[in-house]
Amino acid sequence: MHESAHIHADDFAQRLIGIHDRNQLIEGLRQWNTPSAARVCAYFALRHRFAEDQLQHALERGVRQFILLGAGLDSLALRRPALAKEVRLVEVDHPDSQRWKLARIEELGLETPSVIYVGVDFGTESLAVRLEDSGVKLDQPTYFSWLGVTQYIDRAACDATLRLIAGRPQGSEVVLDFIVRNDLLAPPERAFSEAAAGGSAARGEPWLTYFDPSELEEHLAELGFTKIERLTPQLAASRYYAGQPADVTPLEAWQLVSAKI
């Protein structure tokens, strides 16, 4: 169980997005048309905390290559600069998003000299080819963090990425998040997810892929993953949500899973 009220501490997140205080952040999330900005913030913190907890376990078992798929504004390289010197740290994202992030890092006077940046359009380009062209060693055990991507690409593109990861050497792992199918949700959670999806579509980013959690676990096993752990809302509450406000509860609609080779 987490010992403080903070699920995840990130001193760079607000600086990267240009927001200077918590109230401004909450107001921005309200404009997304999501029913609970606090729950959204807690989920975003949760997914990075869980992914970085799993990363630490991977490092302890000797993995020395870490690939962030859909890296976005992830700040790990800024928060832990020594890590990028110890492991091959690769950030993968759409070229436009990556250019914006790198420009923002420069504007803030920050540096990430040890990071390998790889621009990829997950929907149209071969991830394997782009990684190999960038010097990534696909024959080495690798830890993958894949957050905030699967809902924006179609199922075929999701499966292509999962098959690529499943083909890595023993000891490799992926942590990914996914959106639960609306028909599997209770009405309040369905309304929450539908509102968030509507806001995303209005910004030109429609959600394309949803999952049945049980079927996803079975599919991961079929692909060759041997140890699969879904961070259910119940597990999330027991591990990470101690000290949170009473109305900040784990989301049923957005969940996380770890799968190892």
C-alpha atoms as a PDB file:
ATOM      1  CA  MET A   1       0.000   0.000   0.000  1.00  0.00           C
ATOM      2  CA  HIS A   2       1.249   3.458  -0.905  1.00  0.00           C
ATOM      3  CA  GLU A   3       2.349   5.392   2.184  1.00  0.00           C
ATOM      4  CA  SER A   4       1.411   8.950   1.242  1.00  0.00           C
ATOM      5  CA  ALA A   5      -1.486  10.755  -0.363  1.00  0.00           C
ATOM      6  CA  HIS A   6       0.512  11.128  -3.568  1.00  0.00           C
ATOM      7  CA  ILE A   7       0.024   8.256  -5.988  1.00  0.00           C
ATOM      8  CA  HIS A   8       2.808   9.573  -8.208  1.00  0.00           C
ATOM      9  CA  ALA A   9       5.120  12.579  -7.816  1.00  0.00           C
ATOM     10  CA  ASP A  10       6.075  14.458 -10.983  1.00  0.00           C
ATOM     11  CA  ASP A  11       7.760  17.836 -10.645  1.00  0.00           C
ATOM     12  CA  PHE A  12       7.960  18.357 -14.417  1.00  0.00           C
ATOM     13  CA  ALA A  13       4.461  17.509 -15.675  1.00  0.00           C
ATOM     14  CA  GLN A  14       2.871  20.923 -15.127  1.00  0.00           C
ATOM     15  CA  ARG A  15       5.962  22.719 -16.412  1.00  0.00           C
ATOM     16  CA  LEU A  16       5.881  20.740 -19.644  1.00  0.00           C
ATOM     17  CA  ILE A  17       2.241  21.517 -20.333  1.00  0.00           C
ATOM     18  CA  GLY A  18       2.557  25.146 -19.238  1.00  0.00           C
ATOM     19  CA  ILE A  19       0.129  24.966 -16.312  1.00  0.00           C
ATOM     20  CA  HIS A  20       1.307  26.649 -13.135  1.00  0.00           C
ATOM     21  CA  ASP A  21      -1.138  25.596 -10.435  1.00  0.00           C
ATOM     22  CA  ARG A  22      -3.514  22.785  -9.527  1.00  0.00           C
ATOM     23  CA  ASN A  23      -6.680  24.856  -9.969  1.00  0.00           C
ATOM     24  CA  GLN A  24      -5.706  25.695 -13.536  1.00  0.00           C
ATOM     25  CA  LEU A  25      -5.135  21.994 -14.210  1.00  0.00           C
ATOM     26  CA  ILE A  26      -8.514  20.995 -12.771  1.00  0.00           C
ATOM     27  CA  GLU A  27     -10.282  23.693 -14.775  1.00  0.00           C
ATOM     28  CA  GLY A  28      -8.583  22.467 -17.948  1.00  0.00           C
ATOM     29  CA  LEU A  29      -9.802  18.937 -17.297  1.00  0.00           C
ATOM     30  CA  ARG A  30     -13.351  20.162 -16.705  1.00  0.00           C
ATOM     31  CA  GLN A  31     -13.291  21.585 -20.221  1.00  0.00           C
ATOM     32  CA  TRP A  32     -12.726  18.027 -21.488  1.00  0.00           C
ATOM     33  CA  ASN A  33     -16.349  17.364 -20.461  1.00  0.00           C
ATOM     34  CA  THR A  34     -15.319  14.622 -18.017  1.00  0.00           C
ATOM     35  CA  PRO A  35     -17.587  14.183 -14.956  1.00  0.00           C
ATOM     36  CA  SER A  36     -14.769  13.927 -12.389  1.00  0.00           C
ATOM     37  CA  ALA A  37     -11.548  15.803 -13.034  1.00  0.00           C
ATOM     38  CA  ALA A  38     -10.109  14.531  -9.736  1.00  0.00           C
ATOM     39  CA  ARG A  39     -10.659  10.896 -10.723  1.00  0.00           C
ATOM     40  CA  VAL A  40      -9.039  11.547 -14.112  1.00  0.00           C
ATOM     41  CA  CYS A  41      -5.991  13.114 -12.440  1.00  0.00           C
ATOM     42  CA  ALA A  42      -5.739  10.174 -10.042  1.00  0.00           C
ATOM     43  CA  TYR A  43      -5.923   7.698 -12.925  1.00  0.00           C
ATOM     44  CA  PHE A  44      -3.178   9.476 -14.879  1.00  0.00           C
ATOM     45  CA  ALA A  45      -1.007   9.380 -11.766  1.00  0.00           C
ATOM     46  CA  LEU A  46      -1.879   5.710 -11.223  1.00  0.00           C
ATOM     47  CA  ARG A  47      -0.908   4.545 -14.693  1.00  0.00           C
ATOM     48  CA  HIS A  48       2.536   6.141 -14.477  1.00  0.00           C
ATOM     49  CA  ARG A  49       3.090   4.894 -10.922  1.00  0.00           C
ATOM     50  CA  PHE A  50       2.175   1.318 -11.850  1.00  0.00           C
ATOM     51  CA  ALA A  51       4.317   1.411 -15.009  1.00  0.00           C
ATOM     52  CA  GLU A  52       7.310   2.751 -13.089  1.00  0.00           C
ATOM     53  CA  ASP A  53       6.863   0.228 -10.286  1.00  0.00           C
ATOM     54  CA  GLN A  54       6.956  -2.535 -12.896  1.00  0.00           C
ATOM     55  CA  LEU A  55       9.970  -0.886 -14.520  1.00  0.00           C
ATOM     56  CA  GLN A  56      11.830  -1.055 -11.216  1.00  0.00           C
ATOM     57  CA  HIS A  57      11.127  -4.781 -10.974  1.00  0.00           C
ATOM     58  CA  ALA A  58      12.394  -5.218 -14.532  1.00  0.00           C
ATOM     59  CA  LEU A  59      15.616  -3.373 -13.709  1.00  0.00           C
ATOM     60  CA  GLU A  60      16.102  -5.594 -10.674  1.00  0.00           C
ATOM     61  CA  ARG A  61      15.930  -8.699 -12.860  1.00  0.00           C
ATOM     62  CA  GLY A  62      18.528  -7.282 -15.243  1.00  0.00           C
ATOM     63  CA  VAL A  63      16.553  -5.634 -18.061  1.00  0.00           C
ATOM     64  CA  ARG A  64      18.597  -2.796 -19.531  1.00  0.00           C
ATOM     65  CA  GLN A  65      16.435  -1.527 -22.385  1.00  0.00           C
ATOM     66  CA  PHE A  66      13.317   0.558 -21.758  1.00  0.00           C
ATOM     67  CA  ILE A  67      10.977   1.693 -24.524  1.00  0.00           C
ATOM     68  CA  LEU A  68       8.189   4.225 -23.934  1.00  0.00           C
ATOM     69  CA  LEU A  69       5.573   3.685 -26.646  1.00  0.00           C
ATOM     70  CA  GLY A  70       3.440   6.784 -27.095  1.00  0.00           C
ATOM     71  CA  ALA A  71       5.751   8.632 -24.721  1.00  0.00           C
ATOM     72  CA  GLY A  72       3.846  11.902 -24.907  1.00  0.00           C
ATOM     73  CA  LEU A  73       4.994  14.269 -22.167  1.00  0.00           C
ATOM     74  CA  ASP A  74       6.388  11.517 -19.957  1.00  0.00           C
ATOM     75  CA  SER A  75       9.034  13.094 -17.732  1.00  0.00           C
ATOM     76  CA  LEU A  76      10.922  10.038 -16.479  1.00  0.00           C
ATOM     77  CA  ALA A  77      14.129  11.071 -18.255  1.00  0.00           C
ATOM     78  CA  LEU A  78      13.944  14.466 -16.518  1.00  0.00           C
ATOM     79  CA  ARG A  79      13.074  13.061 -13.101  1.00  0.00           C
ATOM     80  CA  ARG A  80      15.657  10.268 -13.221  1.00  0.00           C
ATOM     81  CA  PRO A  81      18.501  11.460 -15.483  1.00  0.00           C
ATOM     82  CA  ALA A  82      20.874   8.788 -14.168  1.00  0.00           C
ATOM     83  CA  LEU A  83      18.537   6.066 -15.429  1.00  0.00           C
ATOM     84  CA  ALA A  84      19.053   7.023 -19.070  1.00  0.00           C
ATOM     85  CA  LYS A  85      22.799   6.540 -18.550  1.00  0.00           C
ATOM     86  CA  GLU A  86      22.321   3.067 -17.068  1.00  0.00           C
ATOM     87  CA  VAL A  87      19.833   1.700 -19.609  1.00  0.00           C
ATOM     88  CA  ARG A  88      18.980   2.275 -23.256  1.00  0.00           C
ATOM     89  CA  LEU A  89      16.005   4.637 -22.864  1.00  0.00           C
ATOM     90  CA  VAL A  90      13.891   5.047 -25.996  1.00  0.00           C
ATOM     91  CA  GLU A  91      10.900   7.355 -26.394  1.00  0.00           C
ATOM     92  CA  VAL A  92       8.548   6.545 -29.268  1.00  0.00           C
ATOM     93  CA  ASP A  93       5.736   8.826 -30.365  1.00  0.00           C
ATOM     94  CA  HIS A  94       4.101  10.429 -33.383  1.00  0.00           C
ATOM     95  CA  PRO A  95       6.678  12.746 -35.024  1.00  0.00           C
ATOM     96  CA  ASP A  96       4.522  15.848 -34.529  1.00  0.00           C
ATOM     97  CA  SER A  97       4.032  15.136 -30.811  1.00  0.00           C
ATOM     98  CA  GLN A  98       7.710  14.442 -30.374  1.00  0.00           C
ATOM     99  CA  ARG A  99       8.777  17.659 -32.072  1.00  0.00           C
ATOM    100  CA  TRP A 100       6.448  19.630 -29.779  1.00  0.00           C
ATOM    101  CA  LYS A 101       7.821  17.938 -26.673  1.00  0.00           C
ATOM    102  CA  LEU A 102      11.462  18.468 -27.663  1.00  0.00           C
ATOM    103  CA  ALA A 103      10.769  22.130 -28.408  1.00  0.00           C
ATOM    104  CA  ARG A 104       9.108  22.482 -25.020  1.00  0.00           C
ATOM    105  CA  ILE A 105      12.073  20.872 -23.242  1.00  0.00           C
ATOM    106  CA  GLU A 106      14.388  23.325 -24.990  1.00  0.00           C
ATOM    107  CA  GLU A 107      12.159  26.289 -24.076  1.00  0.00           C
ATOM    108  CA  LEU A 108      12.392  25.311 -20.419  1.00  0.00           C
ATOM    109  CA  GLY A 109      16.176  25.050 -20.574  1.00  0.00           C
ATOM    110  CA  LEU A 110      16.094  21.300 -19.858  1.00  0.00           C
ATOM    111  CA  GLU A 111      18.048  18.456 -21.438  1.00  0.00           C
ATOM    112  CA  THR A 112      17.623  14.724 -22.047  1.00  0.00           C
ATOM    113  CA  PRO A 113      20.915  13.927 -23.822  1.00  0.00           C
ATOM    114  CA  SER A 114      20.865  10.169 -23.277  1.00  0.00           C
ATOM    115  CA  VAL A 115      17.360   9.526 -24.632  1.00  0.00           C
ATOM    116  CA  ILE A 116      16.856   7.978 -28.080  1.00  0.00           C
ATOM    117  CA  TYR A 117      13.823   9.613 -29.727  1.00  0.00           C
ATOM    118  CA  VAL A 118      11.987   7.622 -32.400  1.00  0.00           C
ATOM    119  CA  GLY A 119       9.139   9.135 -34.413  1.00  0.00           C
ATOM    120  CA  VAL A 120       6.474   6.587 -35.426  1.00  0.00           C
ATOM    121  CA  ASP A 121       2.881   6.710 -36.638  1.00  0.00           C
ATOM    122  CA  PHE A 122       1.528   3.546 -34.980  1.00  0.00           C
ATOM    123  CA  GLY A 123      -1.333   3.331 -37.451  1.00  0.00           C
ATOM    124  CA  THR A 124       0.730   3.380 -40.668  1.00  0.00           C
ATOM    125  CA  GLU A 125       4.419   2.613 -39.958  1.00  0.00           C
ATOM    126  CA  SER A 126       6.346  -0.498 -38.932  1.00  0.00           C
ATOM    127  CA  LEU A 127       7.400  -0.053 -35.320  1.00  0.00           C
ATOM    128  CA  ALA A 128      10.021  -2.807 -35.619  1.00  0.00           C
ATOM    129  CA  VAL A 129      11.681  -1.162 -38.615  1.00  0.00           C
ATOM    130  CA  ARG A 130      11.751   2.267 -37.010  1.00  0.00           C
ATOM    131  CA  LEU A 131      13.211   0.856 -33.785  1.00  0.00           C
ATOM    132  CA  GLU A 132      15.919  -1.126 -35.570  1.00  0.00           C
ATOM    133  CA  ASP A 133      16.805   1.899 -37.715  1.00  0.00           C
ATOM    134  CA  SER A 134      17.277   3.878 -34.491  1.00  0.00           C
ATOM    135  CA  GLY A 135      19.715   1.408 -32.970  1.00  0.00           C
ATOM    136  CA  VAL A 136      17.322  -0.464 -30.682  1.00  0.00           C
ATOM    137  CA  LYS A 137      18.433  -4.050 -30.016  1.00  0.00           C
ATOM    138  CA  LEU A 138      15.314  -6.162 -30.468  1.00  0.00           C
ATOM    139  CA  ASP A 139      17.236  -9.290 -29.458  1.00  0.00           C
ATOM    140  CA  GLN A 140      17.652  -7.979 -25.894  1.00  0.00           C
ATOM    141  CA  PRO A 141      15.137  -8.254 -23.018  1.00  0.00           C
ATOM    142  CA  THR A 142      13.121  -5.043 -23.062  1.00  0.00           C
ATOM    143  CA  TYR A 143      10.614  -3.320 -20.833  1.00  0.00           C
ATOM    144  CA  PHE A 144       7.816  -1.507 -22.707  1.00  0.00           C
ATOM    145  CA  SER A 145       5.484   1.118 -21.260  1.00  0.00           C
ATOM    146  CA  TRP A 146       2.501   1.707 -23.561  1.00  0.00           C
ATOM    147  CA  LEU A 147       0.144   4.240 -22.001  1.00  0.00           C
ATOM    148  CA  GLY A 148      -2.614   6.321 -23.530  1.00  0.00           C
ATOM    149  CA  VAL A 149      -2.367   4.808 -27.008  1.00  0.00           C
ATOM    150  CA  THR A 150      -4.530   1.730 -27.551  1.00  0.00           C
ATOM    151  CA  GLN A 151      -7.838   3.600 -27.689  1.00  0.00           C
ATOM    152  CA  TYR A 152      -6.593   5.860 -30.492  1.00  0.00           C
ATOM    153  CA  ILE A 153      -5.534   3.132 -32.944  1.00  0.00           C
ATOM    154  CA  ASP A 154      -7.497   0.255 -34.469  1.00  0.00           C
ATOM    155  CA  ARG A 155      -7.397  -3.315 -33.195  1.00  0.00           C
ATOM    156  CA  ALA A 156      -5.100  -4.476 -35.988  1.00  0.00           C
ATOM    157  CA  ALA A 157      -2.506  -1.860 -35.040  1.00  0.00           C
ATOM    158  CA  CYS A 158      -2.850  -2.804 -31.350  1.00  0.00           C
ATOM    159  CA  ASP A 159      -2.277  -6.462 -32.165  1.00  0.00           C
ATOM    160  CA  ALA A 160       0.713  -5.694 -34.386  1.00  0.00           C
ATOM    161  CA  THR A 161       2.424  -3.917 -31.492  1.00  0.00           C
ATOM    162  CA  LEU A 162       1.557  -6.680 -29.018  1.00  0.00           C
ATOM    163  CA  ARG A 163       2.943  -9.330 -31.384  1.00  0.00           C
ATOM    164  CA  LEU A 164       6.163  -7.357 -31.732  1.00  0.00           C
ATOM    165  CA  ILE A 165       6.545  -7.200 -27.949  1.00  0.00           C
ATOM    166  CA  ALA A 166       5.585 -10.863 -27.520  1.00  0.00           C
ATOM    167  CA  GLY A 167       8.461 -11.773 -29.815  1.00  0.00           C
ATOM    168  CA  ARG A 168      11.106 -10.246 -27.559  1.00  0.00           C
ATOM    169  CA  PRO A 169      13.428 -12.426 -25.428  1.00  0.00           C
ATOM    170  CA  GLN A 170      12.451 -13.922 -22.095  1.00  0.00           C
ATOM    171  CA  GLY A 171      12.392 -11.317 -19.334  1.00  0.00           C
ATOM    172  CA  SER A 172      10.698  -8.711 -21.501  1.00  0.00           C
ATOM    173  CA  GLU A 173       7.486  -7.055 -20.315  1.00  0.00           C
ATOM    174  CA  VAL A 174       4.825  -4.586 -21.356  1.00  0.00           C
ATOM    175  CA  VAL A 175       2.536  -2.420 -19.225  1.00  0.00           C
ATOM    176  CA  LEU A 176      -0.393  -1.008 -21.158  1.00  0.00           C
ATOM    177  CA  ASP A 177      -3.652   0.682 -20.394  1.00  0.00           C
ATOM    178  CA  PHE A 178      -6.937   0.135 -22.192  1.00  0.00           C
ATOM    179  CA  ILE A 179     -10.549   1.263 -22.292  1.00  0.00           C
ATOM    180  CA  VAL A 180     -13.168  -1.262 -21.162  1.00  0.00           C
ATOM    181  CA  ARG A 181     -16.085  -1.862 -23.532  1.00  0.00           C
ATOM    182  CA  ASN A 182     -19.063   0.307 -22.582  1.00  0.00           C
ATOM    183  CA  ASP A 183     -21.498  -2.608 -22.533  1.00  0.00           C
ATOM    184  CA  LEU A 184     -19.502  -4.182 -19.688  1.00  0.00           C
ATOM    185  CA  LEU A 185     -19.738  -1.128 -17.448  1.00  0.00           C
ATOM    186  CA  ALA A 186     -22.283  -0.077 -14.856  1.00  0.00           C
ATOM    187  CA  PRO A 187     -24.264   3.026 -15.940  1.00  0.00           C
ATOM    188  CA  PRO A 188     -22.249   5.609 -13.924  1.00  0.00           C
ATOM    189  CA  GLU A 189     -18.908   4.326 -15.244  1.00  0.00           C
ATOM    190  CA  ARG A 190     -20.314   4.044 -18.773  1.00  0.00           C
ATOM    191  CA  ALA A 191     -21.493   7.650 -18.632  1.00  0.00           C
ATOM    192  CA  PHE A 192     -18.062   8.714 -17.401  1.00  0.00           C
ATOM    193  CA  SER A 193     -16.247   6.912 -20.223  1.00  0.00           C
ATOM    194  CA  GLU A 194     -18.698   8.058 -22.898  1.00  0.00           C
ATOM    195  CA  ALA A 195     -18.283  11.679 -21.805  1.00  0.00           C
ATOM    196  CA  ALA A 196     -14.491  11.379 -21.953  1.00  0.00           C
ATOM    197  CA  ALA A 197     -14.687   9.714 -25.380  1.00  0.00           C
ATOM    198  CA  GLY A 198     -16.955  12.483 -26.627  1.00  0.00           C
ATOM    199  CA  GLY A 199     -14.540  15.140 -25.463  1.00  0.00           C
ATOM    200  CA  SER A 200     -11.662  13.329 -27.138  1.00  0.00           C
ATOM    201  CA  ALA A 201     -13.581  13.026 -30.413  1.00  0.00           C
ATOM    202  CA  ALA A 202     -14.391  16.727 -30.291  1.00  0.00           C
ATOM    203  CA  ARG A 203     -10.656  17.409 -30.144  1.00  0.00           C
ATOM    204  CA  GLY A 204     -10.162  15.286 -33.266  1.00  0.00           C
ATOM    205  CA  GLU A 205      -8.961  12.156 -31.430  1.00  0.00           C
ATOM    206  CA  PRO A 206     -11.789   9.578 -31.525  1.00  0.00           C
ATOM    207  CA  TRP A 207     -11.481   6.360 -29.543  1.00  0.00           C
ATOM    208  CA  LEU A 208     -11.281   3.388 -31.889  1.00  0.00           C
ATOM    209  CA  THR A 209     -10.516   0.369 -29.710  1.00  0.00           C
ATOM    210  CA  TYR A 210     -12.113  -0.977 -26.537  1.00  0.00           C
ATOM    211  CA  PHE A 211     -11.460  -4.281 -24.750  1.00  0.00           C
ATOM    212  CA  ASP A 212     -13.203  -6.909 -22.673  1.00  0.00           C
ATOM    213  CA  PRO A 213     -10.638  -7.313 -19.847  1.00  0.00           C
ATOM    214  CA  SER A 214     -10.996 -11.091 -19.611  1.00  0.00           C
ATOM    215  CA  GLU A 215     -10.717 -11.530 -23.374  1.00  0.00           C
ATOM    216  CA  LEU A 216      -7.659  -9.275 -23.412  1.00  0.00           C
ATOM    217  CA  GLU A 217      -5.947 -11.431 -20.795  1.00  0.00           C
ATOM    218  CA  GLU A 218      -6.743 -14.555 -22.835  1.00  0.00           C
ATOM    219  CA  HIS A 219      -5.468 -12.882 -26.002  1.00  0.00           C
ATOM    220  CA  LEU A 220      -2.195 -11.903 -24.331  1.00  0.00           C
ATOM    221  CA  ALA A 221      -1.706 -15.526 -23.268  1.00  0.00           C
ATOM    222  CA  GLU A 222      -2.389 -16.689 -26.826  1.00  0.00           C
ATOM    223  CA  LEU A 223       0.283 -14.279 -28.080  1.00  0.00           C
ATOM    224  CA  GLY A 224       2.859 -15.900 -25.782  1.00  0.00           C
ATOM    225  CA  PHE A 225       2.850 -13.756 -22.660  1.00  0.00           C
ATOM    226  CA  THR A 226       3.259 -16.054 -19.676  1.00  0.00           C
ATOM    227  CA  LYS A 227       2.646 -13.903 -16.606  1.00  0.00           C
ATOM    228  CA  ILE A 228      -0.281 -11.508 -16.870  1.00  0.00           C
ATOM    229  CA  GLU A 229      -1.452  -9.193 -14.091  1.00  0.00           C
ATOM    230  CA  ARG A 230      -4.406  -6.864 -14.525  1.00  0.00           C
ATOM    231  CA  LEU A 231      -4.525  -3.968 -12.098  1.00  0.00           C
ATOM    232  CA  THR A 232      -8.210  -4.248 -11.329  1.00  0.00           C
ATOM    233  CA  PRO A 233      -9.946  -1.354  -9.579  1.00  0.00           C
ATOM    234  CA  GLN A 234      -9.886  -3.427  -6.396  1.00  0.00           C
ATOM    235  CA  LEU A 235      -6.125  -3.984  -6.603  1.00  0.00           C
ATOM    236  CA  ALA A 236      -5.540  -0.332  -7.490  1.00  0.00           C
ATOM    237  CA  ALA A 237      -7.523   0.757  -4.431  1.00  0.00           C
ATOM    238  CA  SER A 238      -5.573  -1.491  -2.083  1.00  0.00           C
ATOM    239  CA  ARG A 239      -2.122  -0.646  -3.479  1.00  0.00           C
ATOM    240  CA  TYR A 240      -2.277   3.010  -4.399  1.00  0.00           C
ATOM    241  CA  TYR A 241      -5.394   4.869  -3.262  1.00  0.00           C
ATOM    242  CA  ALA A 242      -4.791   5.076   0.482  1.00  0.00           C
ATOM    243  CA  GLY A 243      -4.991   8.703   1.555  1.00  0.00           C
ATOM    244  CA  GLN A 244      -6.990   9.845  -1.468  1.00  0.00           C
ATOM    245  CA  PRO A 245     -10.164  11.940  -0.974  1.00  0.00           C
ATOM    246  CA  ALA A 246     -13.274   9.839  -0.404  1.00  0.00           C
ATOM    247  CA  ASP A 247     -14.687  10.683  -3.846  1.00  0.00           C
ATOM    248  CA  VAL A 248     -11.453   9.787  -5.703  1.00  0.00           C
ATOM    249  CA  THR A 249     -11.916   6.127  -6.519  1.00  0.00           C
ATOM    250  CA  PRO A 250     -10.279   3.915  -9.177  1.00  0.00           C
ATOM    251  CA  LEU A 251     -11.904   3.925 -12.582  1.00  0.00           C
ATOM    252  CA  GLU A 252     -13.684   0.804 -13.803  1.00  0.00           C
ATOM    253  CA  ALA A 253     -13.613   2.008 -17.404  1.00  0.00           C
ATOM    254  CA  TRP A 254      -9.872   2.615 -17.734  1.00  0.00           C
ATOM    255  CA  GLN A 255      -7.578  -0.159 -16.584  1.00  0.00           C
ATOM    256  CA  LEU A 256      -3.974  -1.372 -16.711  1.00  0.00           C
ATOM    257  CA  VAL A 257      -2.327  -4.717 -17.363  1.00  0.00           C
ATOM    258  CA  SER A 258       1.234  -6.045 -17.102  1.00  0.00           C
ATOM    259  CA  ALA A 259       2.302  -8.938 -19.330  1.00  0.00           C
ATOM    260  CA  LYS A 260       5.705 -10.656 -19.203  1.00  0.00           C
ATOM    261  CA  ILE A 261       7.499 -12.974 -21.598  1.00  0.00           C
END
